[in-house]
Every structure is written in C-alpha cells, then in structure tokens.
PDB file of N, CA and C in Angstrom:
ATOM      1  N   UNK A   1     -26.014  14.092 -27.593  1.00  0.00           N
ATOM      2  CA  UNK A   1     -24.836  13.168 -27.272  1.00  0.00           C
ATOM      3  C   UNK A   1     -24.333  13.430 -25.854  1.00  0.00           C
ATOM      4  N   UNK A   2     -23.902  14.332 -25.897  1.00  0.00           N
ATOM      5  CA  UNK A   2     -23.309  14.362 -24.101  1.00  0.00           C
ATOM      6  C   UNK A   2     -24.491  14.261 -22.981  1.00  0.00           C
ATOM      7  N   UNK A   3     -25.631  14.334 -23.175  1.00  0.00           N
ATOM      8  CA  UNK A   3     -26.980  13.730 -22.070  1.00  0.00           C
ATOM      9  C   UNK A   3     -26.752  12.805 -22.301  1.00  0.00           C
ATOM     10  N   UNK A   4     -26.778  12.111 -23.448  1.00  0.00           N
ATOM     11  CA  UNK A   4     -27.334  10.678 -23.824  1.00  0.00           C
ATOM     12  C   UNK A   4     -26.078   9.662 -22.816  1.00  0.00           C
ATOM     13  N   UNK A   5     -24.834  10.019 -23.338  1.00  0.00           N
ATOM     14  CA  UNK A   5     -23.915   9.191 -22.495  1.00  0.00           C
ATOM     15  C   UNK A   5     -23.816   9.625 -21.019  1.00  0.00           C
ATOM     16  N   UNK A   6     -24.166  10.991 -20.627  1.00  0.00           N
ATOM     17  CA  UNK A   6     -24.006  11.162 -19.144  1.00  0.00           C
ATOM     18  C   UNK A   6     -25.003  10.633 -18.314  1.00  0.00           C
ATOM     19  N   UNK A   7     -26.408  10.322 -18.999  1.00  0.00           N
ATOM     20  CA  UNK A   7     -27.219   9.420 -18.164  1.00  0.00           C
ATOM     21  C   UNK A   7     -27.261   8.175 -17.983  1.00  0.00           C
ATOM     22  N   UNK A   8     -26.346   7.612 -19.349  1.00  0.00           N
ATOM     23  CA  UNK A   8     -25.918   6.345 -19.768  1.00  0.00           C
ATOM     24  C   UNK A   8     -25.319   5.693 -18.119  1.00  0.00           C
ATOM     25  N   UNK A   9     -23.925   6.911 -18.013  1.00  0.00           N
ATOM     26  CA  UNK A   9     -23.122   6.102 -17.080  1.00  0.00           C
ATOM     27  C   UNK A   9     -23.578   6.744 -15.721  1.00  0.00           C
ATOM     28  N   UNK A  10     -24.480   7.826 -15.717  1.00  0.00           N
ATOM     29  CA  UNK A  10     -25.188   7.724 -14.250  1.00  0.00           C
ATOM     30  C   UNK A  10     -26.239   6.827 -13.813  1.00  0.00           C
ATOM     31  N   UNK A  11     -26.678   6.614 -15.193  1.00  0.00           N
ATOM     32  CA  UNK A  11     -27.424   4.837 -14.668  1.00  0.00           C
ATOM     33  C   UNK A  11     -26.436   3.896 -14.012  1.00  0.00           C
ATOM     34  N   UNK A  12     -25.515   3.663 -14.779  1.00  0.00           N
ATOM     35  CA  UNK A  12     -24.528   2.888 -14.316  1.00  0.00           C
ATOM     36  C   UNK A  12     -23.927   2.758 -12.905  1.00  0.00           C
ATOM     37  N   UNK A  13     -23.768   3.983 -12.605  1.00  0.00           N
ATOM     38  CA  UNK A  13     -22.840   4.380 -11.207  1.00  0.00           C
ATOM     39  C   UNK A  13     -24.672   4.613 -10.293  1.00  0.00           C
ATOM     40  N   UNK A  14     -25.604   4.463 -10.896  1.00  0.00           N
ATOM     41  CA  UNK A  14     -26.507   4.184  -9.169  1.00  0.00           C
ATOM     42  C   UNK A  14     -27.040   2.727  -9.677  1.00  0.00           C
ATOM     43  N   UNK A  15     -26.183   1.589 -10.524  1.00  0.00           N
ATOM     44  CA  UNK A  15     -26.948   0.529 -10.357  1.00  0.00           C
ATOM     45  C   UNK A  15     -26.715  -0.454  -9.256  1.00  0.00           C
ATOM     46  N   UNK A  16     -27.446  -1.768  -8.892  1.00  0.00           N
ATOM     47  CA  UNK A  16     -27.188  -2.376  -8.119  1.00  0.00           C
ATOM     48  C   UNK A  16     -25.779  -3.387  -7.683  1.00  0.00           C
ATOM     49  N   UNK A  17     -25.184  -3.404  -9.411  1.00  0.00           N
ATOM     50  CA  UNK A  17     -23.905  -3.848  -9.726  1.00  0.00           C
ATOM     51  C   UNK A  17     -22.680  -2.994  -8.986  1.00  0.00           C
ATOM     52  N   UNK A  18     -23.163  -1.545  -9.098  1.00  0.00           N
ATOM     53  CA  UNK A  18     -21.998  -0.662  -9.035  1.00  0.00           C
ATOM     54  C   UNK A  18     -22.095  -0.392  -7.145  1.00  0.00           C
ATOM     55  N   UNK A  19     -23.270  -0.564  -6.741  1.00  0.00           N
ATOM     56  CA  UNK A  19     -23.166  -0.440  -5.214  1.00  0.00           C
ATOM     57  C   UNK A  19     -22.831  -1.794  -4.639  1.00  0.00           C
ATOM     58  N   UNK A  20     -22.751  -2.784  -4.939  1.00  0.00           N
ATOM     59  CA  UNK A  20     -22.534  -3.777  -4.390  1.00  0.00           C
ATOM     60  C   UNK A  20     -20.942  -3.777  -4.576  1.00  0.00           C
ATOM     61  N   UNK A  21     -20.141  -3.353  -5.506  1.00  0.00           N
ATOM     62  CA  UNK A  21     -18.755  -3.112  -6.144  1.00  0.00           C
ATOM     63  C   UNK A  21     -18.205  -2.201  -4.869  1.00  0.00           C
ATOM     64  N   UNK A  22     -19.054  -0.891  -4.335  1.00  0.00           N
ATOM     65  CA  UNK A  22     -18.698  -0.141  -3.382  1.00  0.00           C
ATOM     66  C   UNK A  22     -18.733  -1.027  -2.200  1.00  0.00           C
ATOM     67  N   UNK A  23     -19.729  -1.662  -1.652  1.00  0.00           N
ATOM     68  CA  UNK A  23     -19.807  -1.947  -0.387  1.00  0.00           C
ATOM     69  C   UNK A  23     -18.756  -3.092  -0.204  1.00  0.00           C
ATOM     70  N   UNK A  24     -18.807  -4.046  -1.211  1.00  0.00           N
ATOM     71  CA  UNK A  24     -17.376  -4.870  -1.443  1.00  0.00           C
ATOM     72  C   UNK A  24     -15.825  -4.407  -1.184  1.00  0.00           C
ATOM     73  N   UNK A  25     -15.625  -3.393  -1.471  1.00  0.00           N
ATOM     74  CA  UNK A  25     -14.892  -2.154  -1.183  1.00  0.00           C
ATOM     75  C   UNK A  25     -14.735  -1.988   0.262  1.00  0.00           C
ATOM     76  N   UNK A  26     -15.823  -1.177   0.684  1.00  0.00           N
ATOM     77  CA  UNK A  26     -15.837  -0.789   2.263  1.00  0.00           C
ATOM     78  C   UNK A  26     -15.598  -1.748   2.835  1.00  0.00           C
ATOM     79  N   UNK A  27     -16.146  -2.923   3.078  1.00  0.00           N
ATOM     80  CA  UNK A  27     -15.944  -4.034   3.679  1.00  0.00           C
ATOM     81  C   UNK A  27     -14.766  -4.671   4.019  1.00  0.00           C
ATOM     82  N   UNK A  28     -13.759  -4.550   2.550  1.00  0.00           N
ATOM     83  CA  UNK A  28     -12.575  -5.232   2.265  1.00  0.00           C
ATOM     84  C   UNK A  28     -11.771  -4.271   3.351  1.00  0.00           C
ATOM     85  N   UNK A  29     -11.950  -3.236   2.727  1.00  0.00           N
ATOM     86  CA  UNK A  29     -11.041  -1.984   3.423  1.00  0.00           C
ATOM     87  C   UNK A  29     -11.160  -1.690   5.218  1.00  0.00           C
ATOM     88  N   UNK A  30     -12.049  -2.360   5.695  1.00  0.00           N
ATOM     89  CA  UNK A  30     -12.453  -2.204   7.206  1.00  0.00           C
ATOM     90  C   UNK A  30     -11.640  -3.834   7.657  1.00  0.00           C
ATOM     91  N   UNK A  31     -12.119  -4.484   6.718  1.00  0.00           N
ATOM     92  CA  UNK A  31     -11.563  -6.061   7.469  1.00  0.00           C
ATOM     93  C   UNK A  31      -9.705  -5.722   7.064  1.00  0.00           C
ATOM     94  N   UNK A  32      -9.155  -5.760   6.444  1.00  0.00           N
ATOM     95  CA  UNK A  32      -7.880  -5.552   5.912  1.00  0.00           C
ATOM     96  C   UNK A  32      -7.589  -4.262   6.992  1.00  0.00           C
ATOM     97  N   UNK A  33      -7.848  -3.319   7.328  1.00  0.00           N
ATOM     98  CA  UNK A  33      -7.331  -1.921   7.896  1.00  0.00           C
ATOM     99  C   UNK A  33      -7.215  -2.396   9.572  1.00  0.00           C
ATOM    100  N   UNK A  34      -8.331  -3.493  10.249  1.00  0.00           N
ATOM    101  CA  UNK A  34      -8.278  -4.140  11.270  1.00  0.00           C
ATOM    102  C   UNK A  34      -7.315  -5.055  11.382  1.00  0.00           C
ATOM    103  N   UNK A  35      -7.084  -5.781  10.534  1.00  0.00           N
ATOM    104  CA  UNK A  35      -6.353  -6.700  10.370  1.00  0.00           C
ATOM    105  C   UNK A  35      -4.686  -6.485  10.738  1.00  0.00           C
ATOM    106  N   UNK A  36      -4.366  -5.663   9.779  1.00  0.00           N
ATOM    107  CA  UNK A  36      -3.274  -4.397  10.204  1.00  0.00           C
ATOM    108  C   UNK A  36      -2.732  -4.082  10.867  1.00  0.00           C
ATOM    109  N   UNK A  37      -3.732  -3.632  11.654  1.00  0.00           N
ATOM    110  CA  UNK A  37      -3.583  -2.499  13.032  1.00  0.00           C
ATOM    111  C   UNK A  37      -3.389  -3.019  14.161  1.00  0.00           C
ATOM    112  N   UNK A  38      -3.901  -4.303  14.203  1.00  0.00           N
ATOM    113  CA  UNK A  38      -3.209  -5.702  14.907  1.00  0.00           C
ATOM    114  C   UNK A  38      -2.594  -5.852  14.677  1.00  0.00           C
ATOM    115  N   UNK A  39      -1.743  -6.071  13.652  1.00  0.00           N
ATOM    116  CA  UNK A  39      -0.087  -6.139  13.346  1.00  0.00           C
ATOM    117  C   UNK A  39       1.049  -4.739  13.630  1.00  0.00           C
ATOM    118  N   UNK A  40       0.683  -4.012  14.175  1.00  0.00           N
ATOM    119  CA  UNK A  40       1.081  -3.108  14.363  1.00  0.00           C
ATOM    120  C   UNK A  40       1.554  -1.819  13.313  1.00  0.00           C
ATOM    121  N   UNK A  41       0.892  -2.168  12.145  1.00  0.00           N
ATOM    122  CA  UNK A  41       1.202  -1.133  11.084  1.00  0.00           C
ATOM    123  C   UNK A  41       0.056  -0.411  11.141  1.00  0.00           C
ATOM    124  N   UNK A  42       0.144   0.913  11.838  1.00  0.00           N
ATOM    125  CA  UNK A  42      -1.055   1.873  12.098  1.00  0.00           C
ATOM    126  C   UNK A  42      -1.131   3.083  11.068  1.00  0.00           C
ATOM    127  N   UNK A  43       0.104   2.916  10.030  1.00  0.00           N
ATOM    128  CA  UNK A  43      -0.224   3.652   9.429  1.00  0.00           C
ATOM    129  C   UNK A  43      -0.657   3.926   7.775  1.00  0.00           C
ATOM    130  N   UNK A  44      -0.636   2.547   7.778  1.00  0.00           N
ATOM    131  CA  UNK A  44      -1.179   1.681   6.167  1.00  0.00           C
ATOM    132  C   UNK A  44      -2.461   1.813   6.573  1.00  0.00           C
ATOM    133  N   UNK A  45      -3.047   1.122   8.044  1.00  0.00           N
ATOM    134  CA  UNK A  45      -4.247   0.718   8.547  1.00  0.00           C
ATOM    135  C   UNK A  45      -4.998   2.103   7.969  1.00  0.00           C
ATOM    136  N   UNK A  46      -4.273   3.297   8.679  1.00  0.00           N
ATOM    137  CA  UNK A  46      -5.278   4.690   8.126  1.00  0.00           C
ATOM    138  C   UNK A  46      -5.058   4.856   6.604  1.00  0.00           C
ATOM    139  N   UNK A  47      -4.497   4.603   6.178  1.00  0.00           N
ATOM    140  CA  UNK A  47      -4.974   4.804   4.567  1.00  0.00           C
ATOM    141  C   UNK A  47      -5.890   3.657   3.908  1.00  0.00           C
ATOM    142  N   UNK A  48      -5.977   2.772   4.920  1.00  0.00           N
ATOM    143  CA  UNK A  48      -7.351   1.941   4.244  1.00  0.00           C
ATOM    144  C   UNK A  48      -8.363   2.871   5.309  1.00  0.00           C
ATOM    145  N   UNK A  49      -8.526   3.290   6.624  1.00  0.00           N
ATOM    146  CA  UNK A  49      -9.554   3.933   6.910  1.00  0.00           C
ATOM    147  C   UNK A  49     -10.040   5.031   5.718  1.00  0.00           C
ATOM    148  N   UNK A  50      -8.973   5.981   5.910  1.00  0.00           N
ATOM    149  CA  UNK A  50      -8.862   6.693   4.677  1.00  0.00           C
ATOM    150  C   UNK A  50     -10.285   6.686   3.514  1.00  0.00           C
ATOM    151  N   UNK A  51      -9.678   5.193   2.993  1.00  0.00           N
ATOM    152  CA  UNK A  51      -9.829   4.931   1.728  1.00  0.00           C
ATOM    153  C   UNK A  51     -11.472   4.501   1.272  1.00  0.00           C
ATOM    154  N   UNK A  52     -12.079   3.628   2.912  1.00  0.00           N
ATOM    155  CA  UNK A  52     -13.121   3.093   3.109  1.00  0.00           C
ATOM    156  C   UNK A  52     -14.133   4.853   3.568  1.00  0.00           C
ATOM    157  N   UNK A  53     -13.270   5.468   4.633  1.00  0.00           N
ATOM    158  CA  UNK A  53     -14.607   6.825   4.725  1.00  0.00           C
ATOM    159  C   UNK A  53     -14.709   7.608   3.157  1.00  0.00           C
ATOM    160  N   UNK A  54     -14.088   7.564   2.655  1.00  0.00           N
ATOM    161  CA  UNK A  54     -14.073   8.283   1.223  1.00  0.00           C
ATOM    162  C   UNK A  54     -15.501   8.041   0.049  1.00  0.00           C
ATOM    163  N   UNK A  55     -15.263   5.968   0.251  1.00  0.00           N
ATOM    164  CA  UNK A  55     -15.662   5.239  -0.512  1.00  0.00           C
ATOM    165  C   UNK A  55     -17.675   5.770   0.479  1.00  0.00           C
ATOM    166  N   UNK A  56     -17.173   5.598   1.407  1.00  0.00           N
ATOM    167  CA  UNK A  56     -18.576   5.218   2.150  1.00  0.00           C
ATOM    168  C   UNK A  56     -19.563   6.825   1.675  1.00  0.00           C
ATOM    169  N   UNK A  57     -19.160   7.467   1.824  1.00  0.00           N
ATOM    170  CA  UNK A  57     -19.291   8.674   1.438  1.00  0.00           C
ATOM    171  C   UNK A  57     -20.006   8.762   0.209  1.00  0.00           C
ATOM    172  N   UNK A  58     -19.180   8.514  -1.208  1.00  0.00           N
ATOM    173  CA  UNK A  58     -19.875   8.194  -2.481  1.00  0.00           C
ATOM    174  C   UNK A  58     -20.909   7.330  -2.294  1.00  0.00           C
ATOM    175  N   UNK A  59     -20.903   5.978  -1.523  1.00  0.00           N
ATOM    176  CA  UNK A  59     -21.449   4.814  -1.233  1.00  0.00           C
ATOM    177  C   UNK A  59     -22.943   5.750  -0.767  1.00  0.00           C
ATOM    178  N   UNK A  60     -23.187   6.854  -0.016  1.00  0.00           N
ATOM    179  CA  UNK A  60     -24.355   7.646   0.344  1.00  0.00           C
ATOM    180  C   UNK A  60     -24.687   8.156  -0.384  1.00  0.00           C
ATOM    181  N   UNK A  61     -23.896   8.846  -1.126  1.00  0.00           N
ATOM    182  CA  UNK A  61     -24.805   9.673  -2.283  1.00  0.00           C
ATOM    183  C   UNK A  61     -25.701   8.947  -3.278  1.00  0.00           C
ATOM    184  N   UNK A  62     -24.825   7.424  -3.808  1.00  0.00           N
ATOM    185  CA  UNK A  62     -25.492   6.817  -4.333  1.00  0.00           C
ATOM    186  C   UNK A  62     -26.580   6.252  -4.153  1.00  0.00           C
ATOM    187  N   UNK A  63     -26.501   6.192  -2.843  1.00  0.00           N
ATOM    188  CA  UNK A  63     -27.792   5.506  -2.280  1.00  0.00           C
ATOM    189  C   UNK A  63     -29.103   6.170  -2.583  1.00  0.00           C
ATOM    190  N   UNK A  64     -28.637   7.715  -2.033  1.00  0.00           N
ATOM    191  CA  UNK A  64     -29.612   8.493  -2.044  1.00  0.00           C
ATOM    192  C   UNK A  64     -29.980   9.098  -3.152  1.00  0.00           C
ATOM    193  N   UNK A  65     -29.517   8.875  -4.516  1.00  0.00           N
ATOM    194  CA  UNK A  65     -29.707   8.511  -5.605  1.00  0.00           C
ATOM    195  C   UNK A  65     -29.156  10.699  -6.100  1.00  0.00           C
ATOM    196  N   UNK A  66     -28.386  10.862  -5.537  1.00  0.00           N
ATOM    197  CA  UNK A  66     -27.894  12.061  -5.971  1.00  0.00           C
ATOM    198  C   UNK A  66     -26.457  11.935  -7.218  1.00  0.00           C
ATOM    199  N   UNK A  67     -27.040  12.800  -8.180  1.00  0.00           N
ATOM    200  CA  UNK A  67     -25.763  12.883  -9.319  1.00  0.00           C
ATOM    201  C   UNK A  67     -24.589  12.826  -9.031  1.00  0.00           C
ATOM    202  N   UNK A  68     -23.696  11.986  -9.496  1.00  0.00           N
ATOM    203  CA  UNK A  68     -22.063  12.043  -8.966  1.00  0.00           C
ATOM    204  C   UNK A  68     -21.402  13.105 -10.140  1.00  0.00           C
ATOM    205  N   UNK A  69     -20.190  13.813  -9.612  1.00  0.00           N
ATOM    206  CA  UNK A  69     -19.665  14.944 -10.495  1.00  0.00           C
ATOM    207  C   UNK A  69     -18.163  14.327 -10.325  1.00  0.00           C
ATOM    208  N   UNK A  70     -17.226  14.780 -11.505  1.00  0.00           N
ATOM    209  CA  UNK A  70     -16.232  14.515 -11.569  1.00  0.00           C
ATOM    210  C   UNK A  70     -15.203  14.388 -10.481  1.00  0.00           C
ATOM    211  N   UNK A  71     -15.171  15.333  -9.414  1.00  0.00           N
ATOM    212  CA  UNK A  71     -14.795  15.143  -8.224  1.00  0.00           C
ATOM    213  C   UNK A  71     -15.318  13.723  -7.309  1.00  0.00           C
ATOM    214  N   UNK A  72     -16.499  13.287  -7.685  1.00  0.00           N
ATOM    215  CA  UNK A  72     -16.799  11.700  -7.243  1.00  0.00           C
ATOM    216  C   UNK A  72     -15.775  11.263  -7.816  1.00  0.00           C
ATOM    217  N   UNK A  73     -15.725  10.752  -9.375  1.00  0.00           N
ATOM    218  CA  UNK A  73     -15.368  10.356 -10.130  1.00  0.00           C
ATOM    219  C   UNK A  73     -13.754   9.835  -9.599  1.00  0.00           C
ATOM    220  N   UNK A  74     -13.473  11.244  -9.543  1.00  0.00           N
ATOM    221  CA  UNK A  74     -12.226  10.993  -9.041  1.00  0.00           C
ATOM    222  C   UNK A  74     -11.577  10.073  -7.109  1.00  0.00           C
ATOM    223  N   UNK A  75     -12.468  10.411  -6.397  1.00  0.00           N
ATOM    224  CA  UNK A  75     -12.420   9.982  -5.427  1.00  0.00           C
ATOM    225  C   UNK A  75     -12.322   8.352  -5.608  1.00  0.00           C
ATOM    226  N   UNK A  76     -13.619   8.145  -6.313  1.00  0.00           N
ATOM    227  CA  UNK A  76     -13.363   6.327  -6.579  1.00  0.00           C
ATOM    228  C   UNK A  76     -12.323   5.810  -7.636  1.00  0.00           C
ATOM    229  N   UNK A  77     -11.491   6.286  -8.575  1.00  0.00           N
ATOM    230  CA  UNK A  77     -10.972   6.080  -9.412  1.00  0.00           C
ATOM    231  C   UNK A  77      -8.993   6.244  -7.929  1.00  0.00           C
ATOM    232  N   UNK A  78      -9.163   6.992  -7.058  1.00  0.00           N
ATOM    233  CA  UNK A  78      -7.923   6.806  -6.141  1.00  0.00           C
ATOM    234  C   UNK A  78      -8.281   6.276  -5.696  1.00  0.00           C
ATOM    235  N   UNK A  79      -9.395   5.869  -4.599  1.00  0.00           N
ATOM    236  CA  UNK A  79      -9.807   5.207  -3.611  1.00  0.00           C
ATOM    237  C   UNK A  79     -10.200   3.365  -4.049  1.00  0.00           C
ATOM    238  N   UNK A  80      -9.949   2.969  -5.216  1.00  0.00           N
ATOM    239  CA  UNK A  80     -10.393   1.512  -5.249  1.00  0.00           C
ATOM    240  C   UNK A  80      -8.991   1.079  -6.006  1.00  0.00           C
ATOM    241  N   UNK A  81      -8.601  -0.117  -5.448  1.00  0.00           N
ATOM    242  CA  UNK A  81      -7.555  -0.358  -5.602  1.00  0.00           C
ATOM    243  C   UNK A  81      -7.350  -2.202  -5.535  1.00  0.00           C
ATOM    244  N   UNK A  82      -7.600  -2.728  -6.430  1.00  0.00           N
ATOM    245  CA  UNK A  82      -7.296  -4.172  -7.020  1.00  0.00           C
ATOM    246  C   UNK A  82      -6.405  -4.831  -6.708  1.00  0.00           C
ATOM    247  N   UNK A  83      -6.317  -5.756  -5.379  1.00  0.00           N
ATOM    248  CA  UNK A  83      -4.643  -6.583  -5.412  1.00  0.00           C
ATOM    249  C   UNK A  83      -5.476  -8.234  -5.864  1.00  0.00           C
ATOM    250  N   UNK A  84      -6.894  -8.383  -5.791  1.00  0.00           N
ATOM    251  CA  UNK A  84      -7.070  -9.444  -6.090  1.00  0.00           C
ATOM    252  C   UNK A  84      -8.253  -9.641  -6.915  1.00  0.00           C
ATOM    253  N   UNK A  85      -9.211 -10.259  -7.527  1.00  0.00           N
ATOM    254  CA  UNK A  85     -10.310 -10.432  -8.003  1.00  0.00           C
ATOM    255  C   UNK A  85     -11.117 -10.430  -7.412  1.00  0.00           C
ATOM    256  N   UNK A  86     -12.236 -10.010  -7.777  1.00  0.00           N
ATOM    257  CA  UNK A  86     -13.728  -9.741  -6.555  1.00  0.00           C
ATOM    258  C   UNK A  86     -13.966 -11.281  -6.951  1.00  0.00           C
ATOM    259  N   UNK A  87     -14.133 -11.780  -5.794  1.00  0.00           N
ATOM    260  CA  UNK A  87     -15.172 -13.319  -5.875  1.00  0.00           C
ATOM    261  C   UNK A  87     -16.462 -13.015  -5.496  1.00  0.00           C
ATOM    262  N   UNK A  88     -16.772 -14.196  -6.384  1.00  0.00           N
ATOM    263  CA  UNK A  88     -18.668 -14.160  -5.894  1.00  0.00           C
ATOM    264  C   UNK A  88     -19.078 -15.399  -5.699  1.00  0.00           C
TER     265      UNK A  88
END
C-alpha cells in the first residue's frame, strides 16, 4: 500500500499541472520581489527571492525526473503562499 501511495504522489509531483504551479509561483515571486524592491522594501524582496530560489531547485529536480523526498515537500509547503487564487 505504501509503495502504491508513494508512486501516486510522485506521479502527481512530476505532472505537467504541478510543474505549471511551481513555474507560476517562481514567476510571481520574481515579479513581486522586483516591484517590492523598487519600493525600497529590500528585506521583503529578499524573502521572496529566497522562496523563489528554493522553488527553482525543486522545479529543476522535478524536470530532471528526480524523486522528491520529505525535505523537498517541506520546502514546497513552506515556500508556497497563496494570497490570491491562481488565474488561468
């Protein structure tokens, strides 16, 4: 059962939908960090840059087909923050 569940989770984490979500957050964090930095709020911009960089590492692992582990899941959960719904 554990193997079946793990395989299902890994399949989702490597799906196009999940990759699109990570790419969305990376782009939004980059855009928002630039905007915030221009307003002089450099510490907040650094927070977004850090989150973006961590998500980029995960995105690279996913695109390379690497298996994600618990530490990767922690990074994802700690660095994805919804303030508005994702629009398509």
